[in-house]
Amino acid sequence: MNLSIVILAAGQGTRMRSSQPKVLHPIAHQSMLAHVYDCAMQLQPHAVHIIYGHGGDQVQTTLSHLDASWVEQAEQLGTGHAVAQAMPAINDGDTVLVLYGDVPLTKAETLRALVKATDNALGLLTVTLDDPTGYGRIVRDGENKVTSIVEEKDASDEQKTINEVNTGMLAVSASHLKAWLNQLDNNNAQGEYYLTDIIAMAVADRVAVNTVMPADASEVMGVNDRIQLAIMEREYQRQQADRLLREGVSLRDPNRFDVRGEVAVGHDVTIDVNVILEGKVEIGNHVSIGANVVIKDCVIGDNTVIDHMCVLEDAQIGNSVSIGPFARIRPATVLKDKSKVGNFVEIKKATIGEGSKVNHLSYVGDTTMGENVNVGAGTITCNYDGANKHQTIIGDNVFIGSDTQLVAPVTVGDGATIGAGSTITKEVPANELTLSRSKQMTRTGWKRPEKNK
């Protein structure tokens, strides 16, 4: 039996006080709707249908890469009406799973259990809350069977004491769902077509209602305002920190650590406070990352040390590399084994060879550097002529004195030495000393000017 997933994402989200549709607000740099979609895809559905309304063009444009069918709900007349918009495209023999675009932390294993509960039945995801205010209550009979869901605005005082509530997520055969949706009316306090009303219809048709509960209530918590968005962000980050701790990572403070992408780690990794890992990050064994470091889309080898206040993006970092503090590693950089990039150094689109060192206050861009090179403080590769970028090639075992400018395109041969304070514009021969500097002069008797009184 095929699985068709319907994601409701048409709400305006007025309490967000934003021109951006609610479902596009991010958790860990990814929209809530994208989180829901990614979870849904883990179930390998036959099709995903996204119901959009407010800000639909913006939602579709932002998430145009999703493999989904986009279905417009021109008027927001309730959850039952929203689901009905997708039903013409769903075969009667399919199982339909209904999800919500503003409930971003649901686990795939919970949804699998929900779909499994639809064997000749309706699967309903419920949760028990200490404070059920605002939620539809699950009403059961004397045999503990679900008989209906009553929304808070329609509930009696006795029903409001029930703490098992509806999450809105359910799964059922498409044939049953189509029949029940056609019977919905809007005779309620909100004047809307409630999807929850199909529970009573299922009971009337003697279709069992099987309930499933998530492992954690955070899986079913929705977002209606920025306070709830911030709470969900911290919950997501807590889950990511817990996962890494279980995998053997030492986090100095799990509450001051953010993952905003996919992270794979080796063993005996130590991460200090206020570290942000973005995009796709792979970290080897015995890696140490200092405080206030941002790493985005990088591969980091074993035994590497990244000192505090560094920013790394789209780079390949080898084994036993030393970086920082206060270093910036820009895209397309390769730092080979045992290389060193020190404080206030910027590397861009360059390969730093094995054992080579760029220790202090230097910029190296568009450069291929060999092994065991020593770059003195204040060295700059002048790679941009105002219109185009040019390459600097540096051989093995080169020594570059402090305050050197290498004006690209230029090549430095193996074993060359460049004197401090040089501006290099021509090829530097191998194993020779090359320098360019003005003659030092002393003017005897010269006096420093004094300020006029």
Protein backbone atom coordinates (compact mmCIF):
# COMPACT_ATOMS: atom_id res chain seq x y z
CA MET A 1 0.00 0.00 0.00
CA ASN A 2 1.40 3.40 -0.99
CA LEU A 3 1.91 6.15 1.56
CA SER A 4 0.82 9.69 0.66
CA ILE A 5 1.83 12.44 3.05
CA VAL A 6 -0.09 15.69 3.36
CA ILE A 7 1.70 18.59 5.07
CA LEU A 8 -0.50 21.50 6.14
CA ALA A 9 1.42 24.75 5.65
CA ALA A 10 -1.22 27.33 4.75
CA GLY A 11 -1.45 29.27 8.02
CA GLN A 12 -0.61 32.96 8.15
CA GLY A 13 1.07 32.93 11.55
CA THR A 14 -0.02 36.42 12.58
CA ARG A 15 1.50 36.03 16.05
CA MET A 16 4.96 35.76 14.48
CA ARG A 17 4.56 39.45 13.50
CA SER A 18 6.51 38.88 10.33
CA SER A 19 6.13 39.37 6.59
CA GLN A 20 7.62 35.90 6.20
CA PRO A 21 5.19 32.95 6.25
CA LYS A 22 5.33 31.11 9.55
CA VAL A 23 6.53 27.80 8.12
CA LEU A 24 9.62 29.49 6.64
CA HIS A 25 10.92 30.64 10.02
CA PRO A 26 14.06 28.64 10.80
CA ILE A 27 15.13 26.11 13.36
CA ALA A 28 18.93 25.65 13.12
CA HIS A 29 19.10 27.62 9.83
CA GLN A 30 16.48 25.41 8.16
CA SER A 31 12.83 26.32 7.77
CA MET A 32 10.32 24.49 9.93
CA LEU A 33 8.60 23.19 6.80
CA ALA A 34 11.90 21.78 5.50
CA HIS A 35 12.40 19.96 8.82
CA VAL A 36 8.95 18.39 8.48
CA TYR A 37 9.58 17.45 4.85
CA ASP A 38 12.95 15.85 5.66
CA CYS A 39 11.33 13.76 8.38
CA ALA A 40 8.52 12.76 6.03
CA MET A 41 10.98 11.63 3.35
CA GLN A 42 12.55 9.16 5.79
CA LEU A 43 9.31 7.18 5.47
CA GLN A 44 9.91 6.83 1.70
CA PRO A 45 6.41 8.02 0.71
CA HIS A 46 4.84 7.56 -2.69
CA ALA A 47 4.05 11.29 -2.75
CA VAL A 48 4.20 14.40 -0.57
CA HIS A 49 1.50 17.06 -0.91
CA ILE A 50 2.13 20.48 0.66
CA ILE A 51 -0.95 22.61 1.28
CA TYR A 52 -0.03 26.28 1.03
CA GLY A 53 -2.00 29.50 1.42
CA HIS A 54 -0.65 32.71 2.95
CA GLY A 55 2.62 33.70 1.30
CA GLY A 56 2.36 30.70 -1.00
CA ASP A 57 4.58 32.13 -3.71
CA GLN A 58 7.31 32.86 -1.17
CA VAL A 59 7.02 29.37 0.32
CA GLN A 60 7.22 27.70 -3.08
CA THR A 61 10.12 29.85 -4.26
CA THR A 62 12.13 29.27 -1.10
CA LEU A 63 11.53 25.52 -1.12
CA SER A 64 11.36 24.92 -4.86
CA HIS A 65 13.96 22.14 -4.52
CA LEU A 66 11.52 19.92 -2.61
CA ASP A 67 10.10 16.96 -4.51
CA ALA A 68 6.51 17.67 -3.60
CA SER A 69 3.11 18.48 -5.05
CA TRP A 70 2.04 22.02 -4.14
CA VAL A 71 -1.69 22.42 -3.48
CA GLU A 72 -3.28 25.82 -2.83
CA GLN A 73 -5.85 26.40 -0.10
CA ALA A 74 -7.22 29.71 -1.36
CA GLU A 75 -9.44 30.19 1.69
CA GLN A 76 -8.35 29.04 5.14
CA LEU A 77 -11.50 27.27 6.30
CA GLY A 78 -9.94 24.84 8.75
CA THR A 79 -7.75 21.76 8.85
CA GLY A 80 -10.41 19.47 7.37
CA HIS A 81 -10.86 21.81 4.42
CA ALA A 82 -7.06 21.98 3.97
CA VAL A 83 -6.62 18.21 3.78
CA ALA A 84 -9.56 17.97 1.37
CA GLN A 85 -7.65 20.09 -1.17
CA ALA A 86 -5.07 17.30 -1.63
CA MET A 87 -7.45 14.35 -1.79
CA PRO A 88 -8.31 14.45 -5.53
CA ALA A 89 -4.66 13.60 -6.31
CA ILE A 90 -4.53 10.66 -3.86
CA ASN A 91 -5.63 7.15 -4.78
CA ASP A 92 -8.30 5.49 -2.65
CA GLY A 93 -5.95 2.61 -1.88
CA ASP A 94 -3.25 4.83 -0.36
CA THR A 95 -2.62 5.42 3.32
CA VAL A 96 -2.68 9.15 4.10
CA LEU A 97 -0.46 10.65 6.80
CA VAL A 98 -1.29 14.21 7.86
CA LEU A 99 1.54 16.40 9.22
CA TYR A 100 1.93 20.09 10.07
CA GLY A 101 4.51 22.47 8.66
CA ASP A 102 4.95 24.29 11.98
CA VAL A 103 5.71 21.16 14.05
CA PRO A 104 9.41 20.70 13.22
CA LEU A 105 10.83 18.15 15.68
CA THR A 106 8.78 15.01 15.06
CA LYS A 107 10.88 11.83 14.80
CA ALA A 108 10.59 9.43 11.87
CA GLU A 109 10.25 6.44 14.23
CA THR A 110 7.17 8.04 15.79
CA LEU A 111 5.58 8.49 12.38
CA ARG A 112 6.42 4.92 11.40
CA ALA A 113 4.57 3.71 14.49
CA LEU A 114 1.63 5.94 13.57
CA VAL A 115 1.44 4.55 10.02
CA LYS A 116 1.73 1.00 11.38
CA ALA A 117 -1.30 1.67 13.61
CA THR A 118 -3.55 2.06 10.54
CA ASP A 119 -4.05 -1.68 9.98
CA ASN A 120 -7.86 -1.67 9.51
CA ALA A 121 -7.93 1.40 11.76
CA LEU A 122 -7.26 5.09 12.08
CA GLY A 123 -3.92 5.95 13.67
CA LEU A 124 -3.97 9.01 15.91
CA LEU A 125 -0.95 10.68 17.52
CA THR A 126 -1.74 11.94 21.02
CA VAL A 127 0.32 13.26 23.91
CA THR A 128 -0.23 13.73 27.65
CA LEU A 129 0.50 17.24 28.93
CA ASP A 130 0.60 18.64 32.45
CA ASP A 131 -1.08 21.76 31.08
CA PRO A 132 -3.38 20.87 28.16
CA THR A 133 -4.72 24.40 27.74
CA GLY A 134 -5.41 25.26 24.12
CA TYR A 135 -5.42 21.69 22.82
CA GLY A 136 -8.26 19.44 21.68
CA ARG A 137 -9.00 16.79 24.32
CA ILE A 138 -9.11 13.04 23.63
CA VAL A 139 -12.42 11.71 24.87
CA ARG A 140 -12.52 7.99 25.78
CA ASP A 141 -15.34 5.68 26.89
CA GLY A 142 -15.48 3.31 29.86
CA GLU A 143 -13.42 0.74 27.91
CA ASN A 144 -10.71 3.36 27.26
CA LYS A 145 -11.55 3.52 23.57
CA VAL A 146 -11.36 6.87 21.79
CA THR A 147 -14.81 8.22 21.02
CA SER A 148 -14.07 11.78 19.87
CA ILE A 149 -11.87 14.85 20.05
CA VAL A 150 -13.33 18.02 21.44
CA GLU A 151 -11.67 21.38 20.80
CA GLU A 152 -11.04 23.56 23.86
CA LYS A 153 -13.51 26.24 22.79
CA ASP A 154 -16.21 23.60 22.46
CA ALA A 155 -15.25 21.56 25.55
CA SER A 156 -17.22 21.31 28.77
CA ASP A 157 -15.60 22.05 32.12
CA GLU A 158 -15.26 18.31 32.75
CA GLN A 159 -13.67 17.69 29.34
CA LYS A 160 -11.17 20.47 29.97
CA THR A 161 -9.70 18.42 32.85
CA ILE A 162 -8.55 15.75 30.37
CA ASN A 163 -4.78 15.96 29.86
CA GLU A 164 -4.47 13.61 26.87
CA VAL A 165 -4.61 15.87 23.84
CA ASN A 166 -4.70 15.72 20.10
CA THR A 167 -1.55 16.58 18.13
CA GLY A 168 -3.41 16.85 14.83
CA MET A 169 -1.28 14.15 13.24
CA LEU A 170 -3.11 11.09 12.00
CA ALA A 171 -2.94 8.32 9.43
CA VAL A 172 -5.78 6.45 7.74
CA SER A 173 -6.78 4.94 4.42
CA ALA A 174 -7.60 7.47 1.71
CA SER A 175 -10.98 5.88 1.00
CA HIS A 176 -12.13 6.38 4.60
CA LEU A 177 -10.67 9.86 4.75
CA LYS A 178 -12.40 11.03 1.57
CA ALA A 179 -15.75 9.78 2.80
CA TRP A 180 -15.41 11.47 6.19
CA LEU A 181 -14.13 14.77 4.80
CA ASN A 182 -17.25 14.98 2.62
CA GLN A 183 -19.37 14.78 5.77
CA LEU A 184 -17.67 17.59 7.68
CA ASP A 185 -19.59 20.72 8.67
CA ASN A 186 -18.52 23.96 10.31
CA ASN A 187 -21.07 24.01 13.13
CA ASN A 188 -18.61 24.96 15.86
CA ALA A 189 -17.29 27.98 17.75
CA GLN A 190 -14.72 28.77 15.06
CA GLY A 191 -16.95 28.19 12.06
CA GLU A 192 -14.27 25.91 10.57
CA TYR A 193 -14.14 22.39 9.13
CA TYR A 194 -12.20 20.50 11.79
CA LEU A 195 -10.16 17.49 10.71
CA THR A 196 -10.60 16.21 14.27
CA ASP A 197 -14.32 15.65 13.65
CA ILE A 198 -13.50 12.57 11.57
CA ILE A 199 -12.62 10.72 14.80
CA ALA A 200 -16.28 10.59 15.83
CA MET A 201 -17.15 9.50 12.27
CA ALA A 202 -14.63 6.67 12.48
CA VAL A 203 -16.18 5.54 15.77
CA ALA A 204 -19.65 5.68 14.21
CA ASP A 205 -18.42 3.57 11.29
CA ARG A 206 -16.84 1.11 13.75
CA VAL A 207 -13.34 1.88 12.54
CA ALA A 208 -10.95 1.47 15.46
CA VAL A 209 -8.94 4.48 16.58
CA ASN A 210 -5.45 3.37 17.59
CA THR A 211 -3.45 5.98 19.49
CA VAL A 212 0.32 6.39 19.42
CA MET A 213 2.38 8.61 21.71
CA PRO A 214 5.80 10.15 20.98
CA ALA A 215 8.82 9.45 23.16
CA ASP A 216 9.04 13.16 24.04
CA ALA A 217 6.37 15.86 24.01
CA SER A 218 8.72 18.18 22.08
CA GLU A 219 8.10 16.02 19.00
CA VAL A 220 4.57 17.36 18.69
CA MET A 221 5.00 20.94 19.88
CA GLY A 222 3.98 23.53 17.31
CA VAL A 223 5.24 27.09 16.86
CA ASN A 224 2.87 30.05 16.92
CA ASP A 225 5.09 32.94 18.01
CA ARG A 226 8.75 33.85 18.34
CA ILE A 227 8.90 32.77 21.97
CA GLN A 228 7.88 29.26 20.98
CA LEU A 229 10.30 29.41 18.05
CA ALA A 230 13.16 30.20 20.44
CA ILE A 231 12.08 27.38 22.77
CA MET A 232 12.06 24.91 19.88
CA GLU A 233 15.48 26.10 18.72
CA ARG A 234 16.96 25.36 22.15
CA GLU A 235 15.18 22.00 22.27
CA TYR A 236 16.61 21.08 18.88
CA GLN A 237 20.10 22.12 20.00
CA ARG A 238 19.73 20.14 23.22
CA GLN A 239 18.93 17.06 21.16
CA GLN A 240 21.97 17.62 18.93
CA ALA A 241 24.24 18.10 21.95
CA ASP A 242 22.87 14.95 23.59
CA ARG A 243 23.55 12.96 20.43
CA LEU A 244 27.16 14.10 20.25
CA LEU A 245 27.71 13.48 23.94
CA ARG A 246 26.47 9.92 23.49
CA GLU A 247 28.91 9.55 20.57
CA GLY A 248 31.82 10.45 22.80
CA VAL A 249 32.23 14.19 22.24
CA SER A 250 33.18 16.33 25.23
CA LEU A 251 31.15 19.53 25.19
CA ARG A 252 32.36 22.06 27.76
CA ASP A 253 28.82 23.42 28.02
CA PRO A 254 26.06 21.69 26.00
CA ASN A 255 23.85 24.76 26.45
CA ARG A 256 26.34 26.92 24.54
CA PHE A 257 26.76 24.91 21.37
CA ASP A 258 24.84 24.96 18.08
CA VAL A 259 24.52 22.52 15.21
CA ARG A 260 23.00 23.96 12.04
CA GLY A 261 23.42 21.10 9.62
CA GLU A 262 24.85 17.57 9.55
CA VAL A 263 27.76 16.69 11.82
CA ALA A 264 29.78 13.46 11.88
CA VAL A 265 32.42 13.06 14.58
CA GLY A 266 35.18 10.66 15.58
CA HIS A 267 36.08 9.78 19.15
CA ASP A 268 37.71 11.90 21.85
CA VAL A 269 36.66 15.21 20.31
CA THR A 270 36.62 18.23 22.64
CA ILE A 271 34.50 21.29 21.86
CA ASP A 272 34.58 24.47 23.95
CA VAL A 273 31.74 26.96 24.42
CA ASN A 274 29.91 28.98 21.76
CA VAL A 275 30.99 26.78 18.86
CA ILE A 276 28.72 26.74 15.79
CA LEU A 277 28.82 23.89 13.28
CA GLU A 278 27.00 24.67 10.01
CA GLY A 279 26.28 22.77 6.82
CA LYS A 280 28.05 19.44 6.46
CA VAL A 281 30.91 19.03 8.92
CA GLU A 282 33.09 15.97 9.42
CA ILE A 283 35.43 15.89 12.42
CA GLY A 284 38.08 13.22 12.93
CA ASN A 285 39.48 11.68 16.11
CA HIS A 286 41.20 13.57 18.94
CA VAL A 287 40.24 16.99 17.57
CA SER A 288 40.14 20.01 19.87
CA ILE A 289 38.00 23.04 19.02
CA GLY A 290 38.34 26.21 21.07
CA ALA A 291 35.73 28.71 22.17
CA ASN A 292 33.76 30.92 19.76
CA VAL A 293 34.70 28.97 16.62
CA VAL A 294 32.45 28.79 13.54
CA ILE A 295 32.94 25.83 11.18
CA LYS A 296 30.89 25.50 8.00
CA ASP A 297 31.09 22.73 5.38
CA CYS A 298 34.52 21.45 6.40
CA VAL A 299 36.34 18.14 6.77
CA ILE A 300 38.77 18.12 9.70
CA GLY A 301 41.40 15.41 10.13
CA ASP A 302 42.61 13.60 13.23
CA ASN A 303 44.58 15.31 16.04
CA THR A 304 43.91 18.79 14.70
CA VAL A 305 43.71 21.76 17.08
CA ILE A 306 41.52 24.76 16.23
CA ASP A 307 42.14 27.52 18.75
CA HIS A 308 39.50 30.03 19.82
CA MET A 309 37.93 32.76 17.67
CA CYS A 310 38.47 31.06 14.28
CA VAL A 311 36.14 30.92 11.28
CA LEU A 312 36.46 28.02 8.80
CA GLU A 313 34.35 27.61 5.68
CA ASP A 314 34.35 25.04 2.88
CA ALA A 315 37.85 23.81 3.66
CA GLN A 316 39.77 20.53 3.84
CA ILE A 317 41.84 20.32 7.02
CA GLY A 318 44.40 17.52 7.32
CA ASN A 319 45.75 15.60 10.30
CA SER A 320 47.68 17.27 13.14
CA VAL A 321 46.99 20.76 11.82
CA SER A 322 47.15 23.79 14.09
CA ILE A 323 44.83 26.76 13.43
CA GLY A 324 44.47 30.05 15.26
CA PRO A 325 43.65 31.77 17.42
CA PHE A 326 41.85 34.45 15.40
CA ALA A 327 42.37 32.78 12.02
CA ARG A 328 40.02 32.83 9.04
CA ILE A 329 40.03 29.89 6.63
CA ARG A 330 38.00 30.77 3.55
CA PRO A 331 36.46 28.51 0.87
CA ALA A 332 38.54 26.18 -1.32
CA THR A 333 41.40 26.06 1.17
CA VAL A 334 43.37 22.87 1.80
CA LEU A 335 45.59 22.64 4.86
CA LYS A 336 47.71 19.52 4.59
CA ASP A 337 49.00 17.40 7.46
CA LYS A 338 51.05 19.13 10.17
CA SER A 339 50.60 22.57 8.64
CA LYS A 340 50.07 25.59 10.85
CA VAL A 341 47.97 28.73 10.42
CA GLY A 342 48.49 31.17 13.27
CA ASN A 343 46.85 34.23 14.76
CA PHE A 344 45.27 36.86 12.54
CA VAL A 345 46.00 34.90 9.37
CA GLU A 346 43.57 34.64 6.46
CA ILE A 347 43.81 31.83 3.90
CA LYS A 348 41.65 31.81 0.78
CA LYS A 349 41.52 29.32 -2.09
CA ALA A 350 45.01 28.10 -1.26
CA THR A 351 46.81 24.84 -0.55
CA ILE A 352 49.23 24.94 2.35
CA GLY A 353 51.65 22.03 2.07
CA GLU A 354 52.57 19.49 4.72
CA GLY A 355 54.53 20.99 7.59
CA SER A 356 54.29 24.53 6.25
CA LYS A 357 53.64 27.47 8.58
CA VAL A 358 51.86 30.78 8.14
CA ASN A 359 52.11 32.01 11.69
CA HIS A 360 51.20 35.66 12.06
CA LEU A 361 49.25 38.52 10.50
CA SER A 362 49.39 37.28 6.90
CA TYR A 363 47.09 36.86 3.92
CA VAL A 364 47.59 33.95 1.51
CA GLY A 365 45.14 33.72 -1.39
CA ASP A 366 45.05 31.86 -4.72
CA THR A 367 48.25 30.10 -3.79
CA THR A 368 49.79 26.65 -4.04
CA MET A 369 52.40 26.24 -1.33
CA GLY A 370 54.77 23.28 -1.00
CA GLU A 371 56.07 21.45 2.05
CA ASN A 372 57.99 22.89 5.03
CA VAL A 373 57.56 26.51 3.99
CA ASN A 374 57.95 29.22 6.62
CA VAL A 375 55.99 32.41 5.97
CA GLY A 376 57.01 35.42 8.07
CA ALA A 377 54.64 37.83 9.76
CA GLY A 378 52.85 40.36 7.61
CA THR A 379 53.32 38.50 4.33
CA ILE A 380 50.72 39.15 1.64
CA THR A 381 50.04 37.42 -1.67
CA CYS A 382 48.82 40.26 -3.87
CA ASN A 383 46.48 38.11 -5.94
CA TYR A 384 44.04 40.72 -7.28
CA ASP A 385 44.95 43.32 -9.88
CA GLY A 386 41.65 45.13 -9.66
CA ALA A 387 40.00 42.99 -12.34
CA ASN A 388 41.35 39.43 -12.16
CA LYS A 389 42.80 37.00 -9.63
CA HIS A 390 46.28 35.54 -10.21
CA GLN A 391 48.18 32.55 -8.82
CA THR A 392 51.21 32.41 -6.57
CA ILE A 393 53.27 29.21 -6.67
CA ILE A 394 55.63 28.53 -3.77
CA GLY A 395 57.90 25.48 -3.80
CA ASP A 396 59.15 23.27 -0.95
CA ASN A 397 61.43 24.42 1.89
CA VAL A 398 60.99 28.12 1.12
CA PHE A 399 61.68 30.80 3.74
CA ILE A 400 59.78 34.07 3.31
CA GLY A 401 60.84 36.97 5.51
CA SER A 402 58.40 39.20 7.33
CA ASP A 403 56.53 42.00 5.57
CA THR A 404 56.92 40.49 2.10
CA GLN A 405 54.54 41.17 -0.78
CA LEU A 406 54.31 38.51 -3.48
CA VAL A 407 52.71 40.21 -6.48
CA ALA A 408 50.98 37.50 -8.49
CA PRO A 409 51.40 35.88 -10.89
CA VAL A 410 54.71 34.84 -9.43
CA THR A 411 56.63 31.62 -8.73
CA VAL A 412 59.07 30.95 -5.87
CA GLY A 413 61.44 28.04 -6.46
CA ASP A 414 62.29 25.24 -4.01
CA GLY A 415 64.60 26.18 -1.17
CA ALA A 416 64.48 29.91 -1.95
CA THR A 417 64.89 32.57 0.72
CA ILE A 418 63.19 35.96 0.45
CA GLY A 419 64.53 38.76 2.61
CA ALA A 420 62.22 40.65 4.94
CA GLY A 421 60.47 43.71 3.56
CA SER A 422 60.69 42.60 -0.08
CA THR A 423 58.20 43.23 -2.87
CA ILE A 424 58.50 40.29 -5.28
CA THR A 425 57.25 40.81 -8.82
CA LYS A 426 59.43 38.32 -10.75
CA GLU A 427 60.26 34.65 -10.49
CA VAL A 428 62.38 33.75 -7.46
CA PRO A 429 65.08 31.17 -8.34
CA ALA A 430 65.50 28.01 -6.29
CA ASN A 431 68.01 27.88 -3.46
CA GLU A 432 68.94 31.57 -3.77
CA LEU A 433 68.45 34.64 -1.59
CA THR A 434 66.19 37.22 -3.22
CA LEU A 435 65.31 40.59 -1.74
CA SER A 436 64.24 44.05 -2.77
CA ARG A 437 64.59 46.96 -0.43
CA SER A 438 65.67 50.59 -0.42
CA LYS A 439 69.13 51.52 0.79
CA GLN A 440 69.18 52.44 4.49
CA MET A 441 70.35 56.01 5.12
CA THR A 442 71.09 58.10 8.24
CA ARG A 443 70.96 61.93 8.08
CA THR A 444 73.30 63.19 10.77
CA GLY A 445 72.08 66.26 12.64
CA TRP A 446 68.47 65.97 11.53
CA LYS A 447 65.92 67.20 14.05
CA ARG A 448 62.34 66.13 14.46
CA PRO A 449 59.85 68.96 13.76
CA GLU A 450 58.27 70.62 16.77
CA LYS A 451 54.72 71.84 17.15
CA ASN A 452 54.34 75.61 16.68
CA LYS A 453 53.72 77.41 19.98
